[in-house]
Amino acid sequence: MLVVMVRIPVGSAAEGARLEERFRNRQGLVDREPGFLGFELLKGDSEYVSVTRWATREDLDRWMKSQAHAQAHGRPASPTGGGHPHGARHGETPHDTTGDMRPGGSAVTYEVVIPAEAGA
């Protein structure tokens, strides 16, 4: 399993509220993708973290190159993943899964090596 975490800095409570609303009203296109296991939006003091979980690297890569991914992020599809940080080296491109570029943002992909225990 892979976990993708995208750090999204926010400059104000109002900006955070707008971001939350955008995620609440997201199209949900990723929810139907093969290998997609879940999504959470975490709130910190001056940032949010978007977390998605994927069964395999292949599932994540397929989503990143899909027309649905481009549509969900409000831009045309691209063979490299539409400018998402996974098209570059991880953590280099500020990105927030809604398509906005934010200074100081980053994305990182982790492989789960010890999964949570069922029911824990």
PDB file of N, CA and C in Angstrom:
ATOM      1  N   MET A   1       0.849  -1.175   0.000  1.00  0.00           N
ATOM      2  CA  MET A   1       0.000   0.000   0.000  1.00  0.00           C
ATOM      3  C   MET A   1       0.890   1.231   0.000  1.00  0.00           C
ATOM      4  N   LEU A   2       0.416   2.289  -0.690  1.00  0.00           N
ATOM      5  CA  LEU A   2       1.103   3.570  -0.713  1.00  0.00           C
ATOM      6  C   LEU A   2       0.227   4.624  -0.057  1.00  0.00           C
ATOM      7  N   VAL A   3       0.860   5.589   0.585  1.00  0.00           N
ATOM      8  CA  VAL A   3       0.172   6.740   1.164  1.00  0.00           C
ATOM      9  C   VAL A   3       0.797   7.981   0.536  1.00  0.00           C
ATOM     10  N   VAL A   4      -0.043   8.833  -0.066  1.00  0.00           N
ATOM     11  CA  VAL A   4       0.415  10.079  -0.663  1.00  0.00           C
ATOM     12  C   VAL A   4      -0.057  11.210   0.231  1.00  0.00           C
ATOM     13  N   MET A   5       0.890  12.032   0.678  1.00  0.00           N
ATOM     14  CA  MET A   5       0.563  13.153   1.558  1.00  0.00           C
ATOM     15  C   MET A   5       0.955  14.446   0.862  1.00  0.00           C
ATOM     16  N   VAL A   6      -0.016  15.348   0.704  1.00  0.00           N
ATOM     17  CA  VAL A   6       0.223  16.633   0.063  1.00  0.00           C
ATOM     18  C   VAL A   6       0.018  17.719   1.099  1.00  0.00           C
ATOM     19  N   ARG A   7       1.075  18.458   1.406  1.00  0.00           N
ATOM     20  CA  ARG A   7       1.044  19.544   2.387  1.00  0.00           C
ATOM     21  C   ARG A   7       0.553  20.805   1.690  1.00  0.00           C
ATOM     22  N   ILE A   8      -0.478  21.466   2.284  1.00  0.00           N
ATOM     23  CA  ILE A   8      -1.101  22.646   1.691  1.00  0.00           C
ATOM     24  C   ILE A   8      -1.082  23.782   2.708  1.00  0.00           C
ATOM     25  N   PRO A   9      -0.111  24.681   2.619  1.00  0.00           N
ATOM     26  CA  PRO A   9      -0.098  25.831   3.537  1.00  0.00           C
ATOM     27  C   PRO A   9      -1.290  26.752   3.264  1.00  0.00           C
ATOM     28  N   VAL A  10      -1.840  27.353   4.324  1.00  0.00           N
ATOM     29  CA  VAL A  10      -2.915  28.334   4.172  1.00  0.00           C
ATOM     30  C   VAL A  10      -2.511  29.600   4.918  1.00  0.00           C
ATOM     31  N   GLY A  11      -2.920  30.756   4.368  1.00  0.00           N
ATOM     32  CA  GLY A  11      -2.525  32.029   4.938  1.00  0.00           C
ATOM     33  C   GLY A  11      -3.495  32.605   5.940  1.00  0.00           C
ATOM     34  N   SER A  12      -4.723  32.073   5.992  1.00  0.00           N
ATOM     35  CA  SER A  12      -5.729  32.622   6.907  1.00  0.00           C
ATOM     36  C   SER A  12      -6.798  31.576   7.180  1.00  0.00           C
ATOM     37  N   ALA A  13      -7.607  31.834   8.214  1.00  0.00           N
ATOM     38  CA  ALA A  13      -8.726  30.939   8.528  1.00  0.00           C
ATOM     39  C   ALA A  13      -9.723  30.921   7.375  1.00  0.00           C
ATOM     40  N   ALA A  14      -9.928  32.062   6.727  1.00  0.00           N
ATOM     41  CA  ALA A  14     -10.866  32.125   5.596  1.00  0.00           C
ATOM     42  C   ALA A  14     -10.373  31.275   4.433  1.00  0.00           C
ATOM     43  N   GLU A  15      -9.073  31.318   4.167  1.00  0.00           N
ATOM     44  CA  GLU A  15      -8.506  30.495   3.106  1.00  0.00           C
ATOM     45  C   GLU A  15      -8.670  29.012   3.450  1.00  0.00           C
ATOM     46  N   GLY A  16      -8.447  28.671   4.705  1.00  0.00           N
ATOM     47  CA  GLY A  16      -8.637  27.292   5.149  1.00  0.00           C
ATOM     48  C   GLY A  16     -10.074  26.844   4.990  1.00  0.00           C
ATOM     49  N   ALA A  17     -11.012  27.708   5.336  1.00  0.00           N
ATOM     50  CA  ALA A  17     -12.433  27.372   5.195  1.00  0.00           C
ATOM     51  C   ALA A  17     -12.795  27.145   3.726  1.00  0.00           C
ATOM     52  N   ARG A  18     -12.242  27.968   2.829  1.00  0.00           N
ATOM     53  CA  ARG A  18     -12.502  27.778   1.393  1.00  0.00           C
ATOM     54  C   ARG A  18     -11.930  26.453   0.911  1.00  0.00           C
ATOM     55  N   LEU A  19     -10.731  26.124   1.371  1.00  0.00           N
ATOM     56  CA  LEU A  19     -10.106  24.861   0.996  1.00  0.00           C
ATOM     57  C   LEU A  19     -10.940  23.680   1.481  1.00  0.00           C
ATOM     58  N   GLU A  20     -11.379  23.729   2.728  1.00  0.00           N
ATOM     59  CA  GLU A  20     -12.218  22.655   3.272  1.00  0.00           C
ATOM     60  C   GLU A  20     -13.483  22.482   2.435  1.00  0.00           C
ATOM     61  N   GLU A  21     -14.103  23.599   2.078  1.00  0.00           N
ATOM     62  CA  GLU A  21     -15.337  23.540   1.284  1.00  0.00           C
ATOM     63  C   GLU A  21     -15.081  22.907  -0.087  1.00  0.00           C
ATOM     64  N   ARG A  22     -13.963  23.270  -0.700  1.00  0.00           N
ATOM     65  CA  ARG A  22     -13.620  22.680  -1.999  1.00  0.00           C
ATOM     66  C   ARG A  22     -13.447  21.172  -1.879  1.00  0.00           C
ATOM     67  N   PHE A  23     -12.792  20.718  -0.821  1.00  0.00           N
ATOM     68  CA  PHE A  23     -12.609  19.280  -0.650  1.00  0.00           C
ATOM     69  C   PHE A  23     -13.929  18.597  -0.304  1.00  0.00           C
ATOM     70  N   ARG A  24     -14.765  19.232   0.494  1.00  0.00           N
ATOM     71  CA  ARG A  24     -16.080  18.649   0.809  1.00  0.00           C
ATOM     72  C   ARG A  24     -16.920  18.461  -0.445  1.00  0.00           C
ATOM     73  N   ASN A  25     -16.777  19.379  -1.386  1.00  0.00           N
ATOM     74  CA  ASN A  25     -17.579  19.350  -2.605  1.00  0.00           C
ATOM     75  C   ASN A  25     -16.818  18.809  -3.806  1.00  0.00           C
ATOM     76  N   ARG A  26     -15.727  18.109  -3.571  1.00  0.00           N
ATOM     77  CA  ARG A  26     -14.947  17.568  -4.675  1.00  0.00           C
ATOM     78  C   ARG A  26     -15.796  16.586  -5.481  1.00  0.00           C
ATOM     79  N   GLN A  27     -15.435  16.407  -6.725  1.00  0.00           N
ATOM     80  CA  GLN A  27     -16.201  15.550  -7.627  1.00  0.00           C
ATOM     81  C   GLN A  27     -16.177  14.087  -7.214  1.00  0.00           C
ATOM     82  N   GLY A  28     -15.165  13.679  -6.508  1.00  0.00           N
ATOM     83  CA  GLY A  28     -15.082  12.283  -6.066  1.00  0.00           C
ATOM     84  C   GLY A  28     -14.692  11.316  -7.168  1.00  0.00           C
ATOM     85  N   LEU A  29     -14.085  11.821  -8.235  1.00  0.00           N
ATOM     86  CA  LEU A  29     -13.704  10.951  -9.350  1.00  0.00           C
ATOM     87  C   LEU A  29     -12.708   9.880  -8.921  1.00  0.00           C
ATOM     88  N   VAL A  30     -11.810  10.229  -8.021  1.00  0.00           N
ATOM     89  CA  VAL A  30     -10.793   9.280  -7.569  1.00  0.00           C
ATOM     90  C   VAL A  30     -11.430   8.115  -6.803  1.00  0.00           C
ATOM     91  N   ASP A  31     -12.572   8.338  -6.180  1.00  0.00           N
ATOM     92  CA  ASP A  31     -13.206   7.312  -5.349  1.00  0.00           C
ATOM     93  C   ASP A  31     -13.536   6.040  -6.128  1.00  0.00           C
ATOM     94  N   ARG A  32     -13.714   6.166  -7.435  1.00  0.00           N
ATOM     95  CA  ARG A  32     -14.081   5.010  -8.273  1.00  0.00           C
ATOM     96  C   ARG A  32     -12.878   4.363  -8.947  1.00  0.00           C
ATOM     97  N   GLU A  33     -11.697   4.876  -8.694  1.00  0.00           N
ATOM     98  CA  GLU A  33     -10.502   4.361  -9.364  1.00  0.00           C
ATOM     99  C   GLU A  33     -10.060   3.020  -8.777  1.00  0.00           C
ATOM    100  N   PRO A  34      -9.648   2.075  -9.652  1.00  0.00           N
ATOM    101  CA  PRO A  34      -9.104   0.807  -9.155  1.00  0.00           C
ATOM    102  C   PRO A  34      -7.891   1.063  -8.265  1.00  0.00           C
ATOM    103  N   GLY A  35      -7.873   0.424  -7.121  1.00  0.00           N
ATOM    104  CA  GLY A  35      -6.747   0.538  -6.204  1.00  0.00           C
ATOM    105  C   GLY A  35      -6.814   1.701  -5.247  1.00  0.00           C
ATOM    106  N   PHE A  36      -7.807   2.601  -5.409  1.00  0.00           N
ATOM    107  CA  PHE A  36      -7.953   3.716  -4.473  1.00  0.00           C
ATOM    108  C   PHE A  36      -8.547   3.179  -3.183  1.00  0.00           C
ATOM    109  N   LEU A  37      -7.889   3.462  -2.051  1.00  0.00           N
ATOM    110  CA  LEU A  37      -8.323   2.907  -0.766  1.00  0.00           C
ATOM    111  C   LEU A  37      -8.918   3.934   0.179  1.00  0.00           C
ATOM    112  N   GLY A  38      -8.662   5.231  -0.052  1.00  0.00           N
ATOM    113  CA  GLY A  38      -9.258   6.207   0.845  1.00  0.00           C
ATOM    114  C   GLY A  38      -8.621   7.572   0.760  1.00  0.00           C
ATOM    115  N   PHE A  39      -9.315   8.555   1.354  1.00  0.00           N
ATOM    116  CA  PHE A  39      -8.899   9.949   1.368  1.00  0.00           C
ATOM    117  C   PHE A  39      -9.230  10.567   2.718  1.00  0.00           C
ATOM    118  N   GLU A  40      -8.320  11.383   3.221  1.00  0.00           N
ATOM    119  CA  GLU A  40      -8.563  12.197   4.413  1.00  0.00           C
ATOM    120  C   GLU A  40      -7.953  13.566   4.177  1.00  0.00           C
ATOM    121  N   LEU A  41      -8.552  14.588   4.783  1.00  0.00           N
ATOM    122  CA  LEU A  41      -7.974  15.927   4.810  1.00  0.00           C
ATOM    123  C   LEU A  41      -7.692  16.246   6.268  1.00  0.00           C
ATOM    124  N   LEU A  42      -6.423  16.462   6.584  1.00  0.00           N
ATOM    125  CA  LEU A  42      -6.003  16.758   7.953  1.00  0.00           C
ATOM    126  C   LEU A  42      -5.791  18.257   8.088  1.00  0.00           C
ATOM    127  N   LYS A  43      -6.171  18.819   9.241  1.00  0.00           N
ATOM    128  CA  LYS A  43      -6.029  20.253   9.484  1.00  0.00           C
ATOM    129  C   LYS A  43      -5.011  20.484  10.584  1.00  0.00           C
ATOM    130  N   GLY A  44      -4.026  21.352  10.299  1.00  0.00           N
ATOM    131  CA  GLY A  44      -3.043  21.763  11.287  1.00  0.00           C
ATOM    132  C   GLY A  44      -3.229  23.237  11.608  1.00  0.00           C
ATOM    133  N   ASP A  45      -2.241  23.851  12.248  1.00  0.00           N
ATOM    134  CA  ASP A  45      -2.342  25.262  12.630  1.00  0.00           C
ATOM    135  C   ASP A  45      -2.396  26.192  11.428  1.00  0.00           C
ATOM    136  N   SER A  46      -1.501  26.041  10.483  1.00  0.00           N
ATOM    137  CA  SER A  46      -1.490  26.923   9.318  1.00  0.00           C
ATOM    138  C   SER A  46      -1.315  26.137   8.020  1.00  0.00           C
ATOM    139  N   GLU A  47      -1.734  24.880   8.054  1.00  0.00           N
ATOM    140  CA  GLU A  47      -1.653  24.045   6.864  1.00  0.00           C
ATOM    141  C   GLU A  47      -2.643  22.893   6.959  1.00  0.00           C
ATOM    142  N   TYR A  48      -2.879  22.306   5.817  1.00  0.00           N
ATOM    143  CA  TYR A  48      -3.682  21.098   5.703  1.00  0.00           C
ATOM    144  C   TYR A  48      -2.802  20.040   5.058  1.00  0.00           C
ATOM    145  N   VAL A  49      -3.168  18.781   5.245  1.00  0.00           N
ATOM    146  CA  VAL A  49      -2.490  17.689   4.574  1.00  0.00           C
ATOM    147  C   VAL A  49      -3.566  16.810   3.954  1.00  0.00           C
ATOM    148  N   SER A  50      -3.501  16.689   2.640  1.00  0.00           N
ATOM    149  CA  SER A  50      -4.381  15.782   1.906  1.00  0.00           C
ATOM    150  C   SER A  50      -3.699  14.421   1.877  1.00  0.00           C
ATOM    151  N   VAL A  51      -4.423  13.379   2.276  1.00  0.00           N
ATOM    152  CA  VAL A  51      -3.863  12.033   2.343  1.00  0.00           C
ATOM    153  C   VAL A  51      -4.702  11.112   1.473  1.00  0.00           C
ATOM    154  N   THR A  52      -4.060  10.435   0.526  1.00  0.00           N
ATOM    155  CA  THR A  52      -4.742   9.380  -0.222  1.00  0.00           C
ATOM    156  C   THR A  52      -3.972   8.093  -0.031  1.00  0.00           C
ATOM    157  N   ARG A  53      -4.704   6.991  -0.052  1.00  0.00           N
ATOM    158  CA  ARG A  53      -4.105   5.667   0.105  1.00  0.00           C
ATOM    159  C   ARG A  53      -4.396   4.842  -1.141  1.00  0.00           C
ATOM    160  N   TRP A  54      -3.379   4.127  -1.618  1.00  0.00           N
ATOM    161  CA  TRP A  54      -3.454   3.361  -2.865  1.00  0.00           C
ATOM    162  C   TRP A  54      -2.943   1.953  -2.649  1.00  0.00           C
ATOM    163  N   ALA A  55      -3.549   0.986  -3.315  1.00  0.00           N
ATOM    164  CA  ALA A  55      -3.138  -0.416  -3.179  1.00  0.00           C
ATOM    165  C   ALA A  55      -1.745  -0.641  -3.750  1.00  0.00           C
ATOM    166  N   THR A  56      -1.466  -0.056  -4.939  1.00  0.00           N
ATOM    167  CA  THR A  56      -0.168  -0.284  -5.582  1.00  0.00           C
ATOM    168  C   THR A  56       0.328   0.987  -6.267  1.00  0.00           C
ATOM    169  N   ARG A  57       1.599   1.011  -6.576  1.00  0.00           N
ATOM    170  CA  ARG A  57       2.208   2.104  -7.348  1.00  0.00           C
ATOM    171  C   ARG A  57       1.535   2.186  -8.728  1.00  0.00           C
ATOM    172  N   GLU A  58       1.231   1.041  -9.314  1.00  0.00           N
ATOM    173  CA  GLU A  58       0.595   1.022 -10.634  1.00  0.00           C
ATOM    174  C   GLU A  58      -0.773   1.696 -10.587  1.00  0.00           C
ATOM    175  N   ASP A  59      -1.541   1.463  -9.517  1.00  0.00           N
ATOM    176  CA  ASP A  59      -2.852   2.113  -9.376  1.00  0.00           C
ATOM    177  C   ASP A  59      -2.695   3.634  -9.292  1.00  0.00           C
ATOM    178  N   LEU A  60      -1.739   4.089  -8.490  1.00  0.00           N
ATOM    179  CA  LEU A  60      -1.489   5.523  -8.359  1.00  0.00           C
ATOM    180  C   LEU A  60      -1.042   6.114  -9.693  1.00  0.00           C
ATOM    181  N   ASP A  61      -0.110   5.456 -10.364  1.00  0.00           N
ATOM    182  CA  ASP A  61       0.381   5.958 -11.651  1.00  0.00           C
ATOM    183  C   ASP A  61      -0.736   6.030 -12.691  1.00  0.00           C
ATOM    184  N   ARG A  62      -1.594   5.022 -12.727  1.00  0.00           N
ATOM    185  CA  ARG A  62      -2.722   5.019 -13.674  1.00  0.00           C
ATOM    186  C   ARG A  62      -3.629   6.220 -13.406  1.00  0.00           C
ATOM    187  N   TRP A  63      -3.937   6.491 -12.138  1.00  0.00           N
ATOM    188  CA  TRP A  63      -4.763   7.648 -11.780  1.00  0.00           C
ATOM    189  C   TRP A  63      -4.076   8.947 -12.200  1.00  0.00           C
ATOM    190  N   MET A  64      -2.780   9.056 -11.937  1.00  0.00           N
ATOM    191  CA  MET A  64      -2.061  10.286 -12.231  1.00  0.00           C
ATOM    192  C   MET A  64      -2.078  10.626 -13.718  1.00  0.00           C
ATOM    193  N   LYS A  65      -2.134   9.612 -14.582  1.00  0.00           N
ATOM    194  CA  LYS A  65      -2.109   9.817 -16.032  1.00  0.00           C
ATOM    195  C   LYS A  65      -3.504   9.849 -16.644  1.00  0.00           C
ATOM    196  N   SER A  66      -4.535   9.703 -15.837  1.00  0.00           N
ATOM    197  CA  SER A  66      -5.897   9.557 -16.359  1.00  0.00           C
ATOM    198  C   SER A  66      -6.562  10.892 -16.690  1.00  0.00           C
ATOM    199  N   GLN A  67      -7.537  10.808 -17.575  1.00  0.00           N
ATOM    200  CA  GLN A  67      -8.366  11.966 -17.893  1.00  0.00           C
ATOM    201  C   GLN A  67      -9.150  12.396 -16.650  1.00  0.00           C
ATOM    202  N   ALA A  68      -9.585  11.447 -15.833  1.00  0.00           N
ATOM    203  CA  ALA A  68     -10.334  11.765 -14.607  1.00  0.00           C
ATOM    204  C   ALA A  68      -9.471  12.592 -13.656  1.00  0.00           C
ATOM    205  N   HIS A  69      -8.183  12.272 -13.543  1.00  0.00           N
ATOM    206  CA  HIS A  69      -7.272  13.046 -12.695  1.00  0.00           C
ATOM    207  C   HIS A  69      -7.189  14.482 -13.191  1.00  0.00           C
ATOM    208  N   ALA A  70      -7.001  14.642 -14.501  1.00  0.00           N
ATOM    209  CA  ALA A  70      -6.928  15.986 -15.080  1.00  0.00           C
ATOM    210  C   ALA A  70      -8.223  16.750 -14.823  1.00  0.00           C
ATOM    211  N   GLN A  71      -9.350  16.082 -14.986  1.00  0.00           N
ATOM    212  CA  GLN A  71     -10.646  16.720 -14.743  1.00  0.00           C
ATOM    213  C   GLN A  71     -10.799  17.110 -13.275  1.00  0.00           C
ATOM    214  N   ALA A  72     -10.409  16.234 -12.379  1.00  0.00           N
ATOM    215  CA  ALA A  72     -10.530  16.506 -10.942  1.00  0.00           C
ATOM    216  C   ALA A  72      -9.669  17.692 -10.523  1.00  0.00           C
ATOM    217  N   HIS A  73      -8.578  17.918 -11.239  1.00  0.00           N
ATOM    218  CA  HIS A  73      -7.659  18.991 -10.901  1.00  0.00           C
ATOM    219  C   HIS A  73      -7.814  20.207 -11.801  1.00  0.00           C
ATOM    220  N   GLY A  74      -8.828  20.183 -12.666  1.00  0.00           N
ATOM    221  CA  GLY A  74      -9.158  21.337 -13.481  1.00  0.00           C
ATOM    222  C   GLY A  74      -8.131  21.706 -14.522  1.00  0.00           C
ATOM    223  N   ARG A  75      -7.504  20.685 -15.151  1.00  0.00           N
ATOM    224  CA  ARG A  75      -6.537  20.967 -16.211  1.00  0.00           C
ATOM    225  C   ARG A  75      -6.525  19.818 -17.205  1.00  0.00           C
ATOM    226  N   PRO A  76      -5.998  20.046 -18.406  1.00  0.00           N
ATOM    227  CA  PRO A  76      -5.953  18.989 -19.419  1.00  0.00           C
ATOM    228  C   PRO A  76      -5.045  17.846 -18.997  1.00  0.00           C
ATOM    229  N   ALA A  77      -5.349  16.662 -19.469  1.00  0.00           N
ATOM    230  CA  ALA A  77      -4.515  15.492 -19.176  1.00  0.00           C
ATOM    231  C   ALA A  77      -3.169  15.644 -19.858  1.00  0.00           C
ATOM    232  N   SER A  78      -2.147  15.063 -19.240  1.00  0.00           N
ATOM    233  CA  SER A  78      -0.794  15.099 -19.781  1.00  0.00           C
ATOM    234  C   SER A  78      -0.182  13.725 -19.592  1.00  0.00           C
ATOM    235  N   PRO A  79       0.644  13.262 -20.519  1.00  0.00           N
ATOM    236  CA  PRO A  79       1.256  11.939 -20.365  1.00  0.00           C
ATOM    237  C   PRO A  79       2.130  11.816 -19.131  1.00  0.00           C
ATOM    238  N   THR A  80       2.571  12.931 -18.552  1.00  0.00           N
ATOM    239  CA  THR A  80       3.428  12.853 -17.371  1.00  0.00           C
ATOM    240  C   THR A  80       2.637  13.020 -16.085  1.00  0.00           C
ATOM    241  N   GLY A  81       1.327  13.098 -16.153  1.00  0.00           N
ATOM    242  CA  GLY A  81       0.554  13.226 -14.938  1.00  0.00           C
ATOM    243  C   GLY A  81       0.057  14.634 -14.702  1.00  0.00           C
ATOM    244  N   GLY A  82       0.060  15.494 -15.718  1.00  0.00           N
ATOM    245  CA  GLY A  82      -0.558  16.798 -15.614  1.00  0.00           C
ATOM    246  C   GLY A  82       0.108  17.763 -14.664  1.00  0.00           C
ATOM    247  N   GLY A  83       1.399  17.654 -14.446  1.00  0.00           N
ATOM    248  CA  GLY A  83       2.082  18.618 -13.600  1.00  0.00           C
ATOM    249  C   GLY A  83       2.032  18.285 -12.126  1.00  0.00           C
ATOM    250  N   HIS A  84       1.450  17.176 -11.769  1.00  0.00           N
ATOM    251  CA  HIS A  84       1.397  16.747 -10.379  1.00  0.00           C
ATOM    252  C   HIS A  84       2.809  16.422  -9.919  1.00  0.00           C
ATOM    253  N   PRO A  85       3.090  16.545  -8.645  1.00  0.00           N
ATOM    254  CA  PRO A  85       4.435  16.291  -8.168  1.00  0.00           C
ATOM    255  C   PRO A  85       4.948  14.901  -8.493  1.00  0.00           C
ATOM    256  N   HIS A  86       4.064  13.950  -8.747  1.00  0.00           N
ATOM    257  CA  HIS A  86       4.546  12.618  -9.086  1.00  0.00           C
ATOM    258  C   HIS A  86       5.096  12.572 -10.497  1.00  0.00           C
ATOM    259  N   GLY A  87       4.843  13.610 -11.288  1.00  0.00           N
ATOM    260  CA  GLY A  87       5.456  13.731 -12.595  1.00  0.00           C
ATOM    261  C   GLY A  87       6.881  14.257 -12.477  1.00  0.00           C
ATOM    262  N   ALA A  88       7.224  14.847 -11.354  1.00  0.00           N
ATOM    263  CA  ALA A  88       8.573  15.322 -11.051  1.00  0.00           C
ATOM    264  C   ALA A  88       9.092  14.494  -9.890  1.00  0.00           C
ATOM    265  N   ARG A  89      10.177  14.923  -9.286  1.00  0.00           N
ATOM    266  CA  ARG A  89      10.629  14.231  -8.082  1.00  0.00           C
ATOM    267  C   ARG A  89       9.710  14.608  -6.940  1.00  0.00           C
ATOM    268  N   HIS A  90       9.425  13.689  -6.066  1.00  0.00           N
ATOM    269  CA  HIS A  90       8.476  13.920  -4.973  1.00  0.00           C
ATOM    270  C   HIS A  90       8.930  15.075  -4.097  1.00  0.00           C
ATOM    271  N   GLY A  91       7.963  15.927  -3.735  1.00  0.00           N
ATOM    272  CA  GLY A  91       8.232  17.003  -2.818  1.00  0.00           C
ATOM    273  C   GLY A  91       8.759  18.271  -3.458  1.00  0.00           C
ATOM    274  N   GLU A  92       8.949  18.291  -4.792  1.00  0.00           N
ATOM    275  CA  GLU A  92       9.508  19.475  -5.423  1.00  0.00           C
ATOM    276  C   GLU A  92       8.457  20.480  -5.861  1.00  0.00           C
ATOM    277  N   THR A  93       7.277  20.016  -6.250  1.00  0.00           N
ATOM    278  CA  THR A  93       6.290  20.911  -6.840  1.00  0.00           C
ATOM    279  C   THR A  93       5.171  21.188  -5.860  1.00  0.00           C
ATOM    280  N   PRO A  94       4.940  22.439  -5.458  1.00  0.00           N
ATOM    281  CA  PRO A  94       3.815  22.738  -4.582  1.00  0.00           C
ATOM    282  C   PRO A  94       2.519  22.389  -5.280  1.00  0.00           C
ATOM    283  N   HIS A  95       1.635  21.700  -4.577  1.00  0.00           N
ATOM    284  CA  HIS A  95       0.399  21.233  -5.189  1.00  0.00           C
ATOM    285  C   HIS A  95      -0.610  20.925  -4.102  1.00  0.00           C
ATOM    286  N   ASP A  96      -1.874  21.132  -4.367  1.00  0.00           N
ATOM    287  CA  ASP A  96      -2.890  20.779  -3.369  1.00  0.00           C
ATOM    288  C   ASP A  96      -4.006  19.932  -3.955  1.00  0.00           C
ATOM    289  N   THR A  97      -4.104  18.919  -4.348  1.00  0.00           N
ATOM    290  CA  THR A  97      -5.090  18.111  -5.049  1.00  0.00           C
ATOM    291  C   THR A  97      -6.327  18.834  -5.584  1.00  0.00           C
ATOM    292  N   THR A  98      -6.505  20.119  -5.372  1.00  0.00           N
ATOM    293  CA  THR A  98      -7.609  20.839  -6.007  1.00  0.00           C
ATOM    294  C   THR A  98      -7.117  21.578  -7.236  1.00  0.00           C
ATOM    295  N   GLY A  99      -5.823  21.540  -7.519  1.00  0.00           N
ATOM    296  CA  GLY A  99      -5.285  22.181  -8.697  1.00  0.00           C
ATOM    297  C   GLY A  99      -4.589  23.497  -8.417  1.00  0.00           C
ATOM    298  N   ASP A 100      -4.645  24.031  -7.208  1.00  0.00           N
ATOM    299  CA  ASP A 100      -3.988  25.290  -6.888  1.00  0.00           C
ATOM    300  C   ASP A 100      -2.515  25.052  -6.595  1.00  0.00           C
ATOM    301  N   MET A 101      -1.675  25.966  -7.041  1.00  0.00           N
ATOM    302  CA  MET A 101      -0.268  25.925  -6.682  1.00  0.00           C
ATOM    303  C   MET A 101      -0.105  26.805  -5.451  1.00  0.00           C
ATOM    304  N   ARG A 102       0.564  26.347  -4.448  1.00  0.00           N
ATOM    305  CA  ARG A 102       0.731  27.087  -3.203  1.00  0.00           C
ATOM    306  C   ARG A 102       2.209  27.146  -2.847  1.00  0.00           C
ATOM    307  N   PRO A 103       2.726  28.324  -2.545  1.00  0.00           N
ATOM    308  CA  PRO A 103       4.115  28.412  -2.094  1.00  0.00           C
ATOM    309  C   PRO A 103       4.317  27.593  -0.826  1.00  0.00           C
ATOM    310  N   GLY A 104       5.385  26.832  -0.786  1.00  0.00           N
ATOM    311  CA  GLY A 104       5.711  26.072   0.408  1.00  0.00           C
ATOM    312  C   GLY A 104       5.026  24.722   0.501  1.00  0.00           C
ATOM    313  N   GLY A 105       4.176  24.392  -0.451  1.00  0.00           N
ATOM    314  CA  GLY A 105       3.508  23.093  -0.438  1.00  0.00           C
ATOM    315  C   GLY A 105       4.456  22.005  -0.892  1.00  0.00           C
ATOM    316  N   SER A 106       4.097  20.766  -0.620  1.00  0.00           N
ATOM    317  CA  SER A 106       4.923  19.647  -1.057  1.00  0.00           C
ATOM    318  C   SER A 106       4.085  18.383  -1.076  1.00  0.00           C
ATOM    319  N   ALA A 107       4.561  17.402  -1.802  1.00  0.00           N
ATOM    320  CA  ALA A 107       3.898  16.101  -1.857  1.00  0.00           C
ATOM    321  C   ALA A 107       4.940  15.019  -1.650  1.00  0.00           C
ATOM    322  N   VAL A 108       4.568  13.999  -0.897  1.00  0.00           N
ATOM    323  CA  VAL A 108       5.471  12.895  -0.615  1.00  0.00           C
ATOM    324  C   VAL A 108       4.666  11.608  -0.687  1.00  0.00           C
ATOM    325  N   THR A 109       5.263  10.565  -1.251  1.00  0.00           N
ATOM    326  CA  THR A 109       4.640   9.252  -1.309  1.00  0.00           C
ATOM    327  C   THR A 109       5.427   8.312  -0.411  1.00  0.00           C
ATOM    328  N   TYR A 110       4.700   7.573   0.419  1.00  0.00           N
ATOM    329  CA  TYR A 110       5.309   6.604   1.328  1.00  0.00           C
ATOM    330  C   TYR A 110       4.759   5.225   1.029  1.00  0.00           C
ATOM    331  N   GLU A 111       5.602   4.214   1.158  1.00  0.00           N
ATOM    332  CA  GLU A 111       5.149   2.835   1.091  1.00  0.00           C
ATOM    333  C   GLU A 111       4.892   2.366   2.513  1.00  0.00           C
ATOM    334  N   VAL A 112       3.750   1.742   2.748  1.00  0.00           N
ATOM    335  CA  VAL A 112       3.423   1.212   4.073  1.00  0.00           C
ATOM    336  C   VAL A 112       4.161  -0.112   4.240  1.00  0.00           C
ATOM    337  N   VAL A 113       5.006  -0.195   5.247  1.00  0.00           N
ATOM    338  CA  VAL A 113       5.769  -1.420   5.483  1.00  0.00           C
ATOM    339  C   VAL A 113       5.225  -2.218   6.661  1.00  0.00           C
ATOM    340  N   ILE A 114       4.562  -1.550   7.589  1.00  0.00           N
ATOM    341  CA  ILE A 114       3.886  -2.236   8.694  1.00  0.00           C
ATOM    342  C   ILE A 114       2.477  -1.652   8.752  1.00  0.00           C
ATOM    343  N   PRO A 115       1.486  -2.369   8.221  1.00  0.00           N
ATOM    344  CA  PRO A 115       0.129  -1.816   8.192  1.00  0.00           C
ATOM    345  C   PRO A 115      -0.500  -1.793   9.574  1.00  0.00           C
ATOM    346  N   ALA A 116      -1.495  -0.915   9.714  1.00  0.00           N
ATOM    347  CA  ALA A 116      -2.266  -0.870  10.955  1.00  0.00           C
ATOM    348  C   ALA A 116      -2.963  -2.200  11.164  1.00  0.00           C
ATOM    349  N   GLU A 117      -3.125  -2.579  12.409  1.00  0.00           N
ATOM    350  CA  GLU A 117      -3.821  -3.831  12.701  1.00  0.00           C
ATOM    351  C   GLU A 117      -5.310  -3.643  12.457  1.00  0.00           C
ATOM    352  N   ALA A 118      -5.947  -4.656  11.932  1.00  0.00           N
ATOM    353  CA  ALA A 118      -7.387  -4.605  11.673  1.00  0.00           C
ATOM    354  C   ALA A 118      -8.120  -4.337  12.996  1.00  0.00           C
ATOM    355  N   GLY A 119      -9.039  -3.373  12.961  1.00  0.00           N
ATOM    356  CA  GLY A 119      -9.819  -3.051  14.142  1.00  0.00           C
ATOM    357  C   GLY A 119      -9.128  -2.146  15.135  1.00  0.00           C
ATOM    358  N   ALA A 120      -7.882  -1.754  14.843  1.00  0.00           N
ATOM    359  CA  ALA A 120      -7.140  -0.906  15.775  1.00  0.00           C
ATOM    360  C   ALA A 120      -7.481   0.540  15.599  1.00  0.00           C
TER     361      ALA A 120
END
